[in-house]
Amino acid sequence: MKRKNFIASILVGTASGSLLASCADGKKEEEKTSSESKTGFIVHNVYFWLKEGITAEEEQEFLKFIEILKKIPGIYEYEIGKPSPTTPRPVVDNSFSYYCMATFKNMEDIETYEKHPDHIAAAEAYSKYWTKVEVKDATLL
């Protein structure tokens, strides 16, 4: 009986160890995927200052512009945001209305995006909603 229990405990232990090992391996695979190197990618940061007194309807119309841009070929990732209520400091500028970040794998992709007819037409059509735009591009190290 002791031998039977001993063998059963070895089998359970082995199975548990295998299960835990496979879970750990799976996690490592997830970590590899989520930490994919983006060295050399171009991050296109765009800040918009909307006009004073813009109506809620006009602001919603402006957001349609963002939806058009998100569909242009070549974009790897696209995010939109508003200023965060971070601690005011001399180096922090939260005066913008909206922020867009588009990530591109290479220069060819960002050039395709910048010259795309939808990008050019949308910028012309929706520029009536902003007073200022700043673009800051960076290559990831």
N, C-alpha and C. Protein backbone atom coordinates (compact mmCIF):
# COMPACT_ATOMS: atom_id res chain seq x y z
N MET A 1 0.83 -1.19 0.00
CA MET A 1 0.00 0.00 0.00
C MET A 1 0.88 1.25 0.00
N LYS A 2 1.94 1.20 0.85
CA LYS A 2 2.84 2.36 0.89
C LYS A 2 3.48 2.58 -0.47
N ARG A 3 3.85 1.49 -1.11
CA ARG A 3 4.47 1.59 -2.43
C ARG A 3 3.49 2.20 -3.44
N LYS A 4 2.24 1.81 -3.38
CA LYS A 4 1.21 2.33 -4.28
C LYS A 4 1.05 3.84 -4.07
N ASN A 5 0.99 4.27 -2.80
CA ASN A 5 0.87 5.70 -2.48
C ASN A 5 2.11 6.46 -2.94
N PHE A 6 3.27 5.83 -2.75
CA PHE A 6 4.53 6.45 -3.16
C PHE A 6 4.54 6.67 -4.68
N ILE A 7 4.16 5.67 -5.44
CA ILE A 7 4.14 5.77 -6.91
C ILE A 7 3.10 6.81 -7.34
N ALA A 8 1.96 6.81 -6.69
CA ALA A 8 0.91 7.79 -7.02
C ALA A 8 1.40 9.21 -6.76
N SER A 9 2.10 9.42 -5.65
CA SER A 9 2.59 10.77 -5.33
C SER A 9 3.67 11.20 -6.32
N ILE A 10 4.49 10.25 -6.79
CA ILE A 10 5.50 10.58 -7.80
C ILE A 10 4.82 10.99 -9.10
N LEU A 11 3.81 10.25 -9.49
CA LEU A 11 3.08 10.58 -10.73
C LEU A 11 2.41 11.94 -10.63
N VAL A 12 1.78 12.23 -9.50
CA VAL A 12 1.11 13.53 -9.29
C VAL A 12 2.16 14.63 -9.30
N GLY A 13 3.27 14.40 -8.62
CA GLY A 13 4.33 15.40 -8.58
C GLY A 13 4.92 15.67 -9.95
N THR A 14 5.13 14.62 -10.72
CA THR A 14 5.68 14.76 -12.07
C THR A 14 4.71 15.52 -12.95
N ALA A 15 3.44 15.15 -12.87
CA ALA A 15 2.42 15.83 -13.68
C ALA A 15 2.32 17.30 -13.29
N SER A 16 2.35 17.58 -11.98
CA SER A 16 2.28 18.97 -11.51
C SER A 16 3.49 19.76 -11.99
N GLY A 17 4.65 19.13 -11.88
CA GLY A 17 5.87 19.80 -12.33
C GLY A 17 5.83 20.11 -13.81
N SER A 18 5.34 19.16 -14.60
CA SER A 18 5.23 19.37 -16.05
C SER A 18 4.26 20.49 -16.36
N LEU A 19 3.13 20.50 -15.64
CA LEU A 19 2.12 21.53 -15.84
C LEU A 19 2.69 22.90 -15.50
N LEU A 20 3.35 23.00 -14.36
CA LEU A 20 3.95 24.28 -13.96
C LEU A 20 5.01 24.73 -14.95
N ALA A 21 5.81 23.80 -15.41
CA ALA A 21 6.87 24.14 -16.38
C ALA A 21 6.25 24.65 -17.67
N SER A 22 5.18 24.01 -18.12
CA SER A 22 4.55 24.46 -19.38
C SER A 22 3.93 25.83 -19.20
N CYS A 23 3.36 26.11 -18.02
CA CYS A 23 2.81 27.44 -17.76
C CYS A 23 3.92 28.48 -17.77
N ALA A 24 5.03 28.14 -17.13
CA ALA A 24 6.16 29.08 -17.08
C ALA A 24 6.69 29.33 -18.48
N ASP A 25 6.82 28.28 -19.29
CA ASP A 25 7.29 28.44 -20.66
C ASP A 25 6.32 29.31 -21.45
N GLY A 26 5.03 29.10 -21.25
CA GLY A 26 4.03 29.91 -21.94
C GLY A 26 4.15 31.37 -21.57
N LYS A 27 4.41 31.63 -20.31
CA LYS A 27 4.56 33.01 -19.87
C LYS A 27 5.78 33.65 -20.52
N LYS A 28 6.87 32.89 -20.60
CA LYS A 28 8.06 33.43 -21.24
C LYS A 28 7.77 33.78 -22.69
N GLU A 29 6.97 32.96 -23.36
CA GLU A 29 6.63 33.22 -24.75
C GLU A 29 5.81 34.51 -24.86
N GLU A 30 4.85 34.70 -23.91
CA GLU A 30 4.06 35.94 -23.91
C GLU A 30 4.96 37.14 -23.70
N GLU A 31 5.91 37.01 -22.75
CA GLU A 31 6.82 38.11 -22.48
C GLU A 31 7.64 38.45 -23.71
N LYS A 32 8.09 37.44 -24.44
CA LYS A 32 8.86 37.67 -25.65
C LYS A 32 8.04 38.45 -26.67
N THR A 33 6.77 38.06 -26.81
CA THR A 33 5.90 38.70 -27.79
C THR A 33 5.63 40.15 -27.40
N SER A 34 5.35 40.39 -26.12
CA SER A 34 4.99 41.74 -25.70
C SER A 34 6.20 42.67 -25.64
N SER A 35 7.40 42.11 -25.55
CA SER A 35 8.58 42.96 -25.49
C SER A 35 9.34 42.94 -26.81
N GLU A 36 8.60 42.74 -27.90
CA GLU A 36 9.22 42.73 -29.23
C GLU A 36 10.03 44.01 -29.40
N SER A 37 11.22 43.88 -29.89
CA SER A 37 12.08 45.04 -30.08
C SER A 37 11.50 45.97 -31.13
N LYS A 38 11.42 47.23 -30.78
CA LYS A 38 10.93 48.23 -31.72
C LYS A 38 12.05 49.21 -32.09
N THR A 39 13.27 48.77 -31.89
CA THR A 39 14.42 49.59 -32.26
C THR A 39 14.33 49.96 -33.73
N GLY A 40 14.48 51.24 -34.02
CA GLY A 40 14.42 51.71 -35.40
C GLY A 40 13.03 52.14 -35.84
N PHE A 41 12.00 51.81 -35.05
CA PHE A 41 10.65 52.26 -35.38
C PHE A 41 10.59 53.77 -35.25
N ILE A 42 9.71 54.39 -36.01
CA ILE A 42 9.52 55.85 -35.95
C ILE A 42 8.21 56.13 -35.22
N VAL A 43 8.29 56.99 -34.22
CA VAL A 43 7.11 57.40 -33.48
C VAL A 43 6.77 58.82 -33.91
N HIS A 44 5.57 58.97 -34.46
CA HIS A 44 5.07 60.23 -35.01
C HIS A 44 4.10 60.81 -33.97
N ASN A 45 4.56 61.84 -33.24
CA ASN A 45 3.79 62.46 -32.17
C ASN A 45 3.18 63.75 -32.69
N VAL A 46 1.85 63.86 -32.61
CA VAL A 46 1.16 65.05 -33.14
C VAL A 46 0.29 65.65 -32.04
N TYR A 47 0.48 66.95 -31.81
CA TYR A 47 -0.27 67.69 -30.80
C TYR A 47 -1.19 68.68 -31.51
N PHE A 48 -2.46 68.72 -31.10
CA PHE A 48 -3.45 69.62 -31.68
C PHE A 48 -3.97 70.57 -30.61
N TRP A 49 -4.05 71.85 -30.96
CA TRP A 49 -4.70 72.85 -30.14
C TRP A 49 -5.97 73.27 -30.89
N LEU A 50 -7.11 72.87 -30.35
CA LEU A 50 -8.37 73.21 -31.01
C LEU A 50 -8.72 74.67 -30.75
N LYS A 51 -9.53 75.23 -31.64
CA LYS A 51 -9.93 76.63 -31.53
C LYS A 51 -10.73 76.87 -30.26
N GLU A 52 -10.57 78.06 -29.70
CA GLU A 52 -11.36 78.47 -28.54
C GLU A 52 -12.83 78.51 -28.93
N GLY A 53 -13.69 78.10 -28.02
CA GLY A 53 -15.13 78.17 -28.26
C GLY A 53 -15.67 77.13 -29.21
N ILE A 54 -14.89 76.11 -29.51
CA ILE A 54 -15.37 75.05 -30.40
C ILE A 54 -16.55 74.34 -29.73
N THR A 55 -17.57 74.03 -30.50
CA THR A 55 -18.74 73.36 -29.94
C THR A 55 -18.46 71.86 -29.77
N ALA A 56 -19.30 71.20 -28.98
CA ALA A 56 -19.17 69.76 -28.79
C ALA A 56 -19.33 69.02 -30.12
N GLU A 57 -20.22 69.52 -30.97
CA GLU A 57 -20.43 68.90 -32.28
C GLU A 57 -19.19 69.05 -33.16
N GLU A 58 -18.58 70.23 -33.11
CA GLU A 58 -17.36 70.46 -33.90
C GLU A 58 -16.21 69.58 -33.39
N GLU A 59 -16.14 69.41 -32.09
CA GLU A 59 -15.10 68.55 -31.53
C GLU A 59 -15.31 67.10 -31.96
N GLN A 60 -16.55 66.65 -31.99
CA GLN A 60 -16.85 65.30 -32.48
C GLN A 60 -16.49 65.18 -33.97
N GLU A 61 -16.71 66.24 -34.71
CA GLU A 61 -16.36 66.26 -36.13
C GLU A 61 -14.83 66.15 -36.28
N PHE A 62 -14.10 66.86 -35.44
CA PHE A 62 -12.63 66.78 -35.44
C PHE A 62 -12.18 65.34 -35.20
N LEU A 63 -12.85 64.63 -34.31
CA LEU A 63 -12.47 63.25 -34.00
C LEU A 63 -12.68 62.32 -35.19
N LYS A 64 -13.54 62.69 -36.12
CA LYS A 64 -13.69 61.91 -37.37
C LYS A 64 -12.40 61.98 -38.18
N PHE A 65 -11.72 63.11 -38.09
CA PHE A 65 -10.42 63.29 -38.74
C PHE A 65 -9.44 62.23 -38.24
N ILE A 66 -9.43 62.02 -36.92
CA ILE A 66 -8.53 61.03 -36.31
C ILE A 66 -8.87 59.63 -36.83
N GLU A 67 -10.14 59.34 -36.95
CA GLU A 67 -10.57 58.02 -37.43
C GLU A 67 -10.10 57.79 -38.88
N ILE A 68 -10.11 58.84 -39.68
CA ILE A 68 -9.62 58.73 -41.06
C ILE A 68 -8.13 58.40 -41.06
N LEU A 69 -7.38 59.11 -40.23
CA LEU A 69 -5.93 58.91 -40.18
C LEU A 69 -5.56 57.50 -39.74
N LYS A 70 -6.31 56.94 -38.79
CA LYS A 70 -6.02 55.60 -38.27
C LYS A 70 -6.08 54.52 -39.34
N LYS A 71 -6.80 54.78 -40.41
CA LYS A 71 -7.00 53.76 -41.46
C LYS A 71 -5.98 53.84 -42.60
N ILE A 72 -5.10 54.82 -42.54
CA ILE A 72 -4.11 54.99 -43.62
C ILE A 72 -3.06 53.89 -43.53
N PRO A 73 -2.71 53.29 -44.66
CA PRO A 73 -1.73 52.19 -44.67
C PRO A 73 -0.36 52.58 -44.10
N GLY A 74 0.31 51.60 -43.51
CA GLY A 74 1.67 51.79 -43.02
C GLY A 74 1.76 51.95 -41.52
N ILE A 75 0.65 52.21 -40.85
CA ILE A 75 0.67 52.42 -39.40
C ILE A 75 0.82 51.08 -38.69
N TYR A 76 1.75 51.01 -37.75
CA TYR A 76 1.94 49.81 -36.94
C TYR A 76 1.05 49.88 -35.70
N GLU A 77 1.05 51.03 -35.02
CA GLU A 77 0.20 51.27 -33.85
C GLU A 77 -0.31 52.71 -33.93
N TYR A 78 -1.48 52.95 -33.33
CA TYR A 78 -2.04 54.30 -33.33
C TYR A 78 -2.77 54.52 -32.02
N GLU A 79 -2.50 55.62 -31.38
CA GLU A 79 -3.14 55.97 -30.11
C GLU A 79 -3.56 57.44 -30.14
N ILE A 80 -4.59 57.76 -29.38
CA ILE A 80 -5.04 59.14 -29.25
C ILE A 80 -5.21 59.43 -27.76
N GLY A 81 -4.94 60.66 -27.38
CA GLY A 81 -5.07 61.03 -25.98
C GLY A 81 -5.38 62.50 -25.80
N LYS A 82 -5.62 62.84 -24.54
CA LYS A 82 -5.84 64.22 -24.11
C LYS A 82 -4.81 64.52 -23.02
N PRO A 83 -4.61 65.78 -22.70
CA PRO A 83 -3.62 66.11 -21.66
C PRO A 83 -3.94 65.43 -20.33
N SER A 84 -2.92 64.94 -19.67
CA SER A 84 -3.07 64.33 -18.34
C SER A 84 -2.97 65.43 -17.28
N PRO A 85 -3.68 65.27 -16.18
CA PRO A 85 -3.62 66.28 -15.12
C PRO A 85 -2.39 66.09 -14.23
N THR A 86 -1.22 66.08 -14.86
CA THR A 86 0.02 65.88 -14.11
C THR A 86 0.38 67.15 -13.36
N THR A 87 1.31 67.01 -12.44
CA THR A 87 1.76 68.14 -11.62
C THR A 87 2.33 69.24 -12.51
N PRO A 88 1.82 70.46 -12.37
CA PRO A 88 2.37 71.56 -13.17
C PRO A 88 3.85 71.80 -12.82
N ARG A 89 4.66 71.89 -13.86
CA ARG A 89 6.08 72.19 -13.72
C ARG A 89 6.49 73.01 -14.93
N PRO A 90 7.57 73.74 -14.86
CA PRO A 90 7.99 74.56 -16.01
C PRO A 90 8.23 73.75 -17.29
N VAL A 91 8.59 72.48 -17.18
CA VAL A 91 8.89 71.68 -18.37
C VAL A 91 7.66 70.97 -18.94
N VAL A 92 6.52 71.05 -18.26
CA VAL A 92 5.31 70.34 -18.70
C VAL A 92 4.39 71.30 -19.44
N ASP A 93 3.97 70.90 -20.63
CA ASP A 93 3.02 71.69 -21.42
C ASP A 93 1.77 70.84 -21.66
N ASN A 94 0.74 71.12 -20.92
CA ASN A 94 -0.53 70.43 -21.08
C ASN A 94 -1.57 71.34 -21.74
N SER A 95 -1.11 72.28 -22.53
CA SER A 95 -2.02 73.25 -23.14
C SER A 95 -2.70 72.74 -24.41
N PHE A 96 -2.27 71.60 -24.92
CA PHE A 96 -2.85 71.06 -26.15
C PHE A 96 -4.22 70.45 -25.86
N SER A 97 -5.00 70.23 -26.91
CA SER A 97 -6.34 69.65 -26.77
C SER A 97 -6.34 68.14 -26.99
N TYR A 98 -5.61 67.68 -28.02
CA TYR A 98 -5.53 66.26 -28.35
C TYR A 98 -4.12 65.91 -28.77
N TYR A 99 -3.81 64.64 -28.58
CA TYR A 99 -2.49 64.10 -28.94
C TYR A 99 -2.71 62.80 -29.71
N CYS A 100 -1.98 62.63 -30.79
CA CYS A 100 -2.02 61.37 -31.54
C CYS A 100 -0.60 60.84 -31.65
N MET A 101 -0.48 59.53 -31.53
CA MET A 101 0.81 58.89 -31.68
C MET A 101 0.65 57.74 -32.67
N ALA A 102 1.37 57.84 -33.75
CA ALA A 102 1.39 56.77 -34.75
C ALA A 102 2.79 56.20 -34.78
N THR A 103 2.89 54.88 -34.76
CA THR A 103 4.18 54.21 -34.81
C THR A 103 4.32 53.52 -36.15
N PHE A 104 5.50 53.67 -36.74
CA PHE A 104 5.78 53.09 -38.06
C PHE A 104 7.03 52.23 -37.95
N LYS A 105 7.07 51.15 -38.70
CA LYS A 105 8.22 50.23 -38.65
C LYS A 105 9.46 50.81 -39.31
N ASN A 106 9.27 51.71 -40.30
CA ASN A 106 10.43 52.24 -41.02
C ASN A 106 10.07 53.56 -41.71
N MET A 107 11.06 54.18 -42.31
CA MET A 107 10.88 55.47 -42.98
C MET A 107 9.92 55.35 -44.16
N GLU A 108 9.98 54.25 -44.87
CA GLU A 108 9.09 54.06 -46.01
C GLU A 108 7.62 54.12 -45.59
N ASP A 109 7.30 53.50 -44.45
CA ASP A 109 5.92 53.48 -43.97
C ASP A 109 5.43 54.88 -43.57
N ILE A 110 6.28 55.65 -42.89
CA ILE A 110 5.84 56.98 -42.49
C ILE A 110 5.73 57.91 -43.70
N GLU A 111 6.60 57.72 -44.67
CA GLU A 111 6.51 58.53 -45.89
C GLU A 111 5.24 58.20 -46.67
N THR A 112 4.87 56.93 -46.70
CA THR A 112 3.61 56.53 -47.33
C THR A 112 2.44 57.22 -46.64
N TYR A 113 2.46 57.21 -45.32
CA TYR A 113 1.41 57.84 -44.50
C TYR A 113 1.33 59.34 -44.76
N GLU A 114 2.48 60.01 -44.69
CA GLU A 114 2.51 61.47 -44.84
C GLU A 114 2.03 61.93 -46.21
N LYS A 115 2.32 61.16 -47.23
CA LYS A 115 1.97 61.54 -48.61
C LYS A 115 0.65 60.95 -49.08
N HIS A 116 0.02 60.15 -48.25
CA HIS A 116 -1.21 59.47 -48.65
C HIS A 116 -2.31 60.50 -48.95
N PRO A 117 -3.05 60.34 -50.04
CA PRO A 117 -4.11 61.30 -50.41
C PRO A 117 -5.15 61.50 -49.30
N ASP A 118 -5.48 60.45 -48.55
CA ASP A 118 -6.45 60.59 -47.45
C ASP A 118 -5.90 61.48 -46.35
N HIS A 119 -4.61 61.37 -46.07
CA HIS A 119 -3.97 62.21 -45.04
C HIS A 119 -4.01 63.68 -45.46
N ILE A 120 -3.62 63.93 -46.68
CA ILE A 120 -3.58 65.30 -47.18
C ILE A 120 -4.98 65.91 -47.25
N ALA A 121 -5.94 65.17 -47.79
CA ALA A 121 -7.32 65.68 -47.92
C ALA A 121 -7.95 65.91 -46.55
N ALA A 122 -7.73 64.99 -45.61
CA ALA A 122 -8.32 65.14 -44.28
C ALA A 122 -7.72 66.33 -43.55
N ALA A 123 -6.42 66.52 -43.65
CA ALA A 123 -5.78 67.67 -42.99
C ALA A 123 -6.35 68.98 -43.53
N GLU A 124 -6.55 69.04 -44.82
CA GLU A 124 -7.13 70.25 -45.42
C GLU A 124 -8.58 70.46 -44.96
N ALA A 125 -9.36 69.40 -44.95
CA ALA A 125 -10.78 69.50 -44.61
C ALA A 125 -11.02 69.81 -43.14
N TYR A 126 -10.19 69.28 -42.25
CA TYR A 126 -10.43 69.42 -40.81
C TYR A 126 -9.58 70.48 -40.13
N SER A 127 -8.68 71.12 -40.85
CA SER A 127 -7.81 72.14 -40.24
C SER A 127 -8.59 73.33 -39.71
N LYS A 128 -9.83 73.47 -40.13
CA LYS A 128 -10.68 74.57 -39.65
C LYS A 128 -10.96 74.46 -38.14
N TYR A 129 -10.67 73.30 -37.54
CA TYR A 129 -10.97 73.10 -36.13
C TYR A 129 -9.79 73.39 -35.20
N TRP A 130 -8.60 73.59 -35.73
CA TRP A 130 -7.47 73.84 -34.84
C TRP A 130 -6.76 75.14 -35.17
N THR A 131 -6.04 75.63 -34.15
CA THR A 131 -5.25 76.86 -34.31
C THR A 131 -3.77 76.53 -34.45
N LYS A 132 -3.39 75.35 -33.96
CA LYS A 132 -1.97 75.00 -33.96
C LYS A 132 -1.82 73.49 -33.98
N VAL A 133 -0.79 73.04 -34.68
CA VAL A 133 -0.41 71.61 -34.71
C VAL A 133 1.11 71.55 -34.57
N GLU A 134 1.57 70.63 -33.74
CA GLU A 134 3.01 70.39 -33.61
C GLU A 134 3.27 68.91 -33.84
N VAL A 135 4.29 68.63 -34.64
CA VAL A 135 4.68 67.25 -34.90
C VAL A 135 6.10 67.05 -34.38
N LYS A 136 6.28 65.97 -33.63
CA LYS A 136 7.60 65.63 -33.10
C LYS A 136 7.82 64.15 -33.39
N ASP A 137 8.73 63.87 -34.31
CA ASP A 137 9.03 62.49 -34.69
C ASP A 137 10.31 62.03 -34.00
N ALA A 138 10.34 60.76 -33.67
CA ALA A 138 11.52 60.18 -33.01
C ALA A 138 11.73 58.77 -33.51
N THR A 139 13.01 58.37 -33.60
CA THR A 139 13.37 57.00 -33.93
C THR A 139 13.73 56.30 -32.62
N LEU A 140 13.09 55.15 -32.38
CA LEU A 140 13.33 54.42 -31.14
C LEU A 140 14.71 53.76 -31.14
N LEU A 141 15.35 53.82 -30.00
CA LEU A 141 16.69 53.23 -29.83
C LEU A 141 16.61 51.81 -29.30
